[in-house]
Amino acid sequence: MPDTPAKGRIFIDADACPVKVEAERVATRHGMGMVLVSNGGIRPSPNPLVESVFVPDGPDEADKWIAERVGPGDVVVTGDIPLAARCVAAGARVVKHNGEELHARNIGMVLATRDLMSDLRSADPFRQGGGRPFSKTDRSRFLEVLERVVRAAKG
């Protein structure tokens, strides 16, 4: 795929994405291009609709690459809230791995909550640890929401 902004693609922030296979199934069902963006270590898909983009190592390189290319009609799959905010601002639709959709009405609150939790963790060394583990319910919800969002993005 060219490096120009062809619209109507699914962009995957792929380094830690647990739903790449599911997203590829949805993209294939809809005949929609999909771009896996990572720092490497991801096996390229033989699917002709799927492009693998390997960005240089460094903080947020995949995020920058995605944010510079998305716009209306695109769908982004990411758990990275600052990236999600940039994509929403660019007019893209965003779905987290657990099926939560991020949009203009909720991204501000989600970003503020993320920042607050980060501040709390840095202020209290005993308040560490991640969220709950990724579940079958999350995977199922992701598929349901991605299907709906892709249909809406296609218009």
C-alpha atoms as a PDB file:
ATOM      1  CA  MET A   1       0.000   0.000   0.000  1.00  0.00           C
ATOM      2  CA  PRO A   2       1.276   3.483  -0.708  1.00  0.00           C
ATOM      3  CA  ASP A   3       2.300   5.884   2.031  1.00  0.00           C
ATOM      4  CA  THR A   4      -0.458   8.296   0.984  1.00  0.00           C
ATOM      5  CA  PRO A   5      -3.599   8.657   3.051  1.00  0.00           C
ATOM      6  CA  ALA A   6      -5.926   6.106   1.430  1.00  0.00           C
ATOM      7  CA  LYS A   7      -9.050   6.188   3.553  1.00  0.00           C
ATOM      8  CA  GLY A   8     -11.098   3.384   4.926  1.00  0.00           C
ATOM      9  CA  ARG A   9      -8.360   1.316   6.536  1.00  0.00           C
ATOM     10  CA  ILE A  10      -7.970  -0.335   9.916  1.00  0.00           C
ATOM     11  CA  PHE A  11      -4.757   0.691  11.667  1.00  0.00           C
ATOM     12  CA  ILE A  12      -3.485  -1.614  14.402  1.00  0.00           C
ATOM     13  CA  ASP A  13      -1.054  -0.415  17.075  1.00  0.00           C
ATOM     14  CA  ALA A  14       0.373  -3.916  16.857  1.00  0.00           C
ATOM     15  CA  ASP A  15       3.226  -4.318  19.349  1.00  0.00           C
ATOM     16  CA  ALA A  16       1.064  -5.449  22.275  1.00  0.00           C
ATOM     17  CA  CYS A  17      -2.246  -5.991  20.499  1.00  0.00           C
ATOM     18  CA  PRO A  18      -4.009  -9.214  21.566  1.00  0.00           C
ATOM     19  CA  VAL A  19      -6.689  -8.980  18.846  1.00  0.00           C
ATOM     20  CA  LYS A  20      -4.739  -8.790  15.570  1.00  0.00           C
ATOM     21  CA  VAL A  21      -6.239 -12.032  14.243  1.00  0.00           C
ATOM     22  CA  GLU A  22      -9.779 -10.928  15.063  1.00  0.00           C
ATOM     23  CA  ALA A  23      -9.244  -7.528  13.435  1.00  0.00           C
ATOM     24  CA  GLU A  24      -7.875  -9.213  10.311  1.00  0.00           C
ATOM     25  CA  ARG A  25     -11.013 -11.368  10.058  1.00  0.00           C
ATOM     26  CA  VAL A  26     -13.234  -8.277  10.235  1.00  0.00           C
ATOM     27  CA  ALA A  27     -11.084  -6.412   7.688  1.00  0.00           C
ATOM     28  CA  THR A  28     -11.199  -9.371   5.314  1.00  0.00           C
ATOM     29  CA  ARG A  29     -14.961  -9.763   5.681  1.00  0.00           C
ATOM     30  CA  HIS A  30     -15.395  -6.108   4.697  1.00  0.00           C
ATOM     31  CA  GLY A  31     -12.655  -6.025   2.035  1.00  0.00           C
ATOM     32  CA  MET A  32     -10.973  -3.269   4.013  1.00  0.00           C
ATOM     33  CA  GLY A  33      -7.217  -2.697   4.088  1.00  0.00           C
ATOM     34  CA  MET A  34      -5.475  -3.214   7.408  1.00  0.00           C
ATOM     35  CA  VAL A  35      -2.124  -1.805   8.513  1.00  0.00           C
ATOM     36  CA  LEU A  36      -0.159  -3.484  11.331  1.00  0.00           C
ATOM     37  CA  VAL A  37       2.281  -0.915  12.740  1.00  0.00           C
ATOM     38  CA  SER A  38       5.043  -2.115  15.068  1.00  0.00           C
ATOM     39  CA  ASN A  39       8.704  -1.850  15.998  1.00  0.00           C
ATOM     40  CA  GLY A  40       9.234  -5.376  14.643  1.00  0.00           C
ATOM     41  CA  GLY A  41       8.805  -8.897  15.872  1.00  0.00           C
ATOM     42  CA  ILE A  42       5.391  -9.236  14.234  1.00  0.00           C
ATOM     43  CA  ARG A  43       5.043 -11.895  11.557  1.00  0.00           C
ATOM     44  CA  PRO A  44       3.675 -10.374   8.333  1.00  0.00           C
ATOM     45  CA  SER A  45       0.308 -11.727   7.241  1.00  0.00           C
ATOM     46  CA  PRO A  46      -0.010 -13.445   3.860  1.00  0.00           C
ATOM     47  CA  ASN A  47      -3.388 -11.707   3.466  1.00  0.00           C
ATOM     48  CA  PRO A  48      -3.123  -9.207   0.572  1.00  0.00           C
ATOM     49  CA  LEU A  49      -5.343  -6.766   2.486  1.00  0.00           C
ATOM     50  CA  VAL A  50      -2.845  -6.589   5.359  1.00  0.00           C
ATOM     51  CA  GLU A  51       0.241  -4.393   5.246  1.00  0.00           C
ATOM     52  CA  SER A  52       2.974  -4.636   7.889  1.00  0.00           C
ATOM     53  CA  VAL A  53       4.806  -1.410   8.671  1.00  0.00           C
ATOM     54  CA  PHE A  54       7.925  -1.571  10.827  1.00  0.00           C
ATOM     55  CA  VAL A  55       8.905   1.736  12.389  1.00  0.00           C
ATOM     56  CA  PRO A  56      12.265   2.546  14.014  1.00  0.00           C
ATOM     57  CA  ASP A  57      12.794   1.680  17.663  1.00  0.00           C
ATOM     58  CA  GLY A  58      12.046   4.562  19.958  1.00  0.00           C
ATOM     59  CA  PRO A  59       9.322   5.917  22.160  1.00  0.00           C
ATOM     60  CA  ASP A  60       5.980   6.309  20.427  1.00  0.00           C
ATOM     61  CA  GLU A  61       7.301   5.784  16.871  1.00  0.00           C
ATOM     62  CA  ALA A  62       4.361   3.539  15.935  1.00  0.00           C
ATOM     63  CA  ASP A  63       1.963   6.028  17.521  1.00  0.00           C
ATOM     64  CA  LYS A  64       3.453   8.909  15.521  1.00  0.00           C
ATOM     65  CA  TRP A  65       3.271   6.927  12.278  1.00  0.00           C
ATOM     66  CA  ILE A  66      -0.397   6.078  12.814  1.00  0.00           C
ATOM     67  CA  ALA A  67      -1.446   9.545  14.012  1.00  0.00           C
ATOM     68  CA  GLU A  68       0.127  11.196  10.965  1.00  0.00           C
ATOM     69  CA  ARG A  69      -1.890   9.054   8.548  1.00  0.00           C
ATOM     70  CA  VAL A  70      -5.390   8.531   9.943  1.00  0.00           C
ATOM     71  CA  GLY A  71      -8.502  10.492   9.232  1.00  0.00           C
ATOM     72  CA  PRO A  72     -12.224  10.187   8.633  1.00  0.00           C
ATOM     73  CA  GLY A  73     -13.226   6.724   7.439  1.00  0.00           C
ATOM     74  CA  ASP A  74     -10.326   5.027   9.238  1.00  0.00           C
ATOM     75  CA  VAL A  75     -10.528   2.793  12.305  1.00  0.00           C
ATOM     76  CA  VAL A  76      -7.685   2.545  14.834  1.00  0.00           C
ATOM     77  CA  VAL A  77      -7.237  -0.330  17.276  1.00  0.00           C
ATOM     78  CA  THR A  78      -5.096   0.718  20.235  1.00  0.00           C
ATOM     79  CA  GLY A  79      -4.910   0.682  23.998  1.00  0.00           C
ATOM     80  CA  ASP A  80      -2.723   3.803  23.981  1.00  0.00           C
ATOM     81  CA  ILE A  81      -4.924   6.662  25.189  1.00  0.00           C
ATOM     82  CA  PRO A  82      -2.790   9.598  23.951  1.00  0.00           C
ATOM     83  CA  LEU A  83      -2.663   7.961  20.493  1.00  0.00           C
ATOM     84  CA  ALA A  84      -6.422   7.412  20.657  1.00  0.00           C
ATOM     85  CA  ALA A  85      -6.936  11.112  21.451  1.00  0.00           C
ATOM     86  CA  ARG A  86      -4.842  12.151  18.439  1.00  0.00           C
ATOM     87  CA  CYS A  87      -6.756   9.769  16.169  1.00  0.00           C
ATOM     88  CA  VAL A  88     -10.154  10.954  17.420  1.00  0.00           C
ATOM     89  CA  ALA A  89      -9.037  14.548  16.813  1.00  0.00           C
ATOM     90  CA  ALA A  90      -8.123  13.546  13.240  1.00  0.00           C
ATOM     91  CA  GLY A  91     -11.629  12.153  12.676  1.00  0.00           C
ATOM     92  CA  ALA A  92     -10.831   8.431  12.926  1.00  0.00           C
ATOM     93  CA  ARG A  93     -12.849   5.926  14.924  1.00  0.00           C
ATOM     94  CA  VAL A  94     -10.987   4.216  17.780  1.00  0.00           C
ATOM     95  CA  VAL A  95     -11.568   0.872  19.486  1.00  0.00           C
ATOM     96  CA  LYS A  96      -9.585  -0.415  22.451  1.00  0.00           C
ATOM     97  CA  HIS A  97      -8.648  -4.111  22.641  1.00  0.00           C
ATOM     98  CA  ASN A  98     -11.401  -4.744  25.179  1.00  0.00           C
ATOM     99  CA  GLY A  99     -14.080  -3.357  22.852  1.00  0.00           C
ATOM    100  CA  GLU A 100     -14.395   0.081  24.404  1.00  0.00           C
ATOM    101  CA  GLU A 101     -15.032   2.670  21.710  1.00  0.00           C
ATOM    102  CA  LEU A 102     -13.307   6.025  22.164  1.00  0.00           C
ATOM    103  CA  HIS A 103     -14.836   9.084  20.535  1.00  0.00           C
ATOM    104  CA  ALA A 104     -15.116  12.848  20.908  1.00  0.00           C
ATOM    105  CA  ARG A 105     -17.694  12.529  23.718  1.00  0.00           C
ATOM    106  CA  ASN A 106     -15.545  10.365  26.008  1.00  0.00           C
ATOM    107  CA  ILE A 107     -11.876  10.779  25.055  1.00  0.00           C
ATOM    108  CA  GLY A 108     -11.330  13.798  27.326  1.00  0.00           C
ATOM    109  CA  MET A 109     -12.523  11.921  30.417  1.00  0.00           C
ATOM    110  CA  VAL A 110     -10.574   8.773  29.469  1.00  0.00           C
ATOM    111  CA  LEU A 111      -7.394  10.825  28.971  1.00  0.00           C
ATOM    112  CA  ALA A 112      -7.889  12.680  32.284  1.00  0.00           C
ATOM    113  CA  THR A 113      -8.457   9.394  34.138  1.00  0.00           C
ATOM    114  CA  ARG A 114      -5.301   7.913  32.575  1.00  0.00           C
ATOM    115  CA  ASP A 115      -3.278  10.949  33.656  1.00  0.00           C
ATOM    116  CA  LEU A 116      -4.722  10.855  37.183  1.00  0.00           C
ATOM    117  CA  MET A 117      -3.923   7.158  37.594  1.00  0.00           C
ATOM    118  CA  SER A 118      -0.396   7.741  36.321  1.00  0.00           C
ATOM    119  CA  ASP A 119       0.086  10.528  38.886  1.00  0.00           C
ATOM    120  CA  LEU A 120      -1.277   8.320  41.688  1.00  0.00           C
ATOM    121  CA  ARG A 121       1.073   5.460  40.751  1.00  0.00           C
ATOM    122  CA  SER A 122       4.100   7.758  40.671  1.00  0.00           C
ATOM    123  CA  ALA A 123       3.173   9.294  44.058  1.00  0.00           C
ATOM    124  CA  ASP A 124       2.633   5.953  45.806  1.00  0.00           C
ATOM    125  CA  PRO A 125       5.185   3.194  45.143  1.00  0.00           C
ATOM    126  CA  PHE A 126       2.766   0.632  46.599  1.00  0.00           C
ATOM    127  CA  ARG A 127       0.037   1.514  44.082  1.00  0.00           C
ATOM    128  CA  GLN A 128       1.484  -0.445  41.186  1.00  0.00           C
ATOM    129  CA  GLY A 129       0.274  -3.190  38.940  1.00  0.00           C
ATOM    130  CA  GLY A 130      -1.831  -3.265  35.846  1.00  0.00           C
ATOM    131  CA  GLY A 131      -5.479  -3.766  35.198  1.00  0.00           C
ATOM    132  CA  ARG A 132      -7.320  -7.007  34.989  1.00  0.00           C
ATOM    133  CA  PRO A 133      -6.179  -9.681  32.519  1.00  0.00           C
ATOM    134  CA  PHE A 134      -7.562  -9.765  28.971  1.00  0.00           C
ATOM    135  CA  SER A 135     -10.529 -12.156  28.873  1.00  0.00           C
ATOM    136  CA  LYS A 136     -12.693 -14.077  26.417  1.00  0.00           C
ATOM    137  CA  THR A 137     -15.441 -11.577  27.170  1.00  0.00           C
ATOM    138  CA  ASP A 138     -13.106  -8.722  26.144  1.00  0.00           C
ATOM    139  CA  ARG A 139     -12.288 -10.531  22.890  1.00  0.00           C
ATOM    140  CA  SER A 140     -15.974 -11.110  22.135  1.00  0.00           C
ATOM    141  CA  ARG A 141     -16.877  -7.488  22.951  1.00  0.00           C
ATOM    142  CA  PHE A 142     -13.995  -6.292  20.755  1.00  0.00           C
ATOM    143  CA  LEU A 143     -15.284  -8.291  17.768  1.00  0.00           C
ATOM    144  CA  GLU A 144     -18.822  -6.993  18.226  1.00  0.00           C
ATOM    145  CA  VAL A 145     -17.749  -3.354  18.552  1.00  0.00           C
ATOM    146  CA  LEU A 146     -15.177  -3.500  15.743  1.00  0.00           C
ATOM    147  CA  GLU A 147     -17.792  -4.952  13.396  1.00  0.00           C
ATOM    148  CA  ARG A 148     -20.205  -2.112  14.232  1.00  0.00           C
ATOM    149  CA  VAL A 149     -17.511   0.578  13.962  1.00  0.00           C
ATOM    150  CA  VAL A 150     -16.223  -0.731  10.620  1.00  0.00           C
ATOM    151  CA  ARG A 151     -19.764  -0.738   9.199  1.00  0.00           C
ATOM    152  CA  ALA A 152     -20.253   2.845  10.377  1.00  0.00           C
ATOM    153  CA  ALA A 153     -16.850   3.927   9.000  1.00  0.00           C
ATOM    154  CA  LYS A 154     -17.702   2.505   5.578  1.00  0.00           C
ATOM    155  CA  GLY A 155     -20.818   4.666   5.604  1.00  0.00           C
END
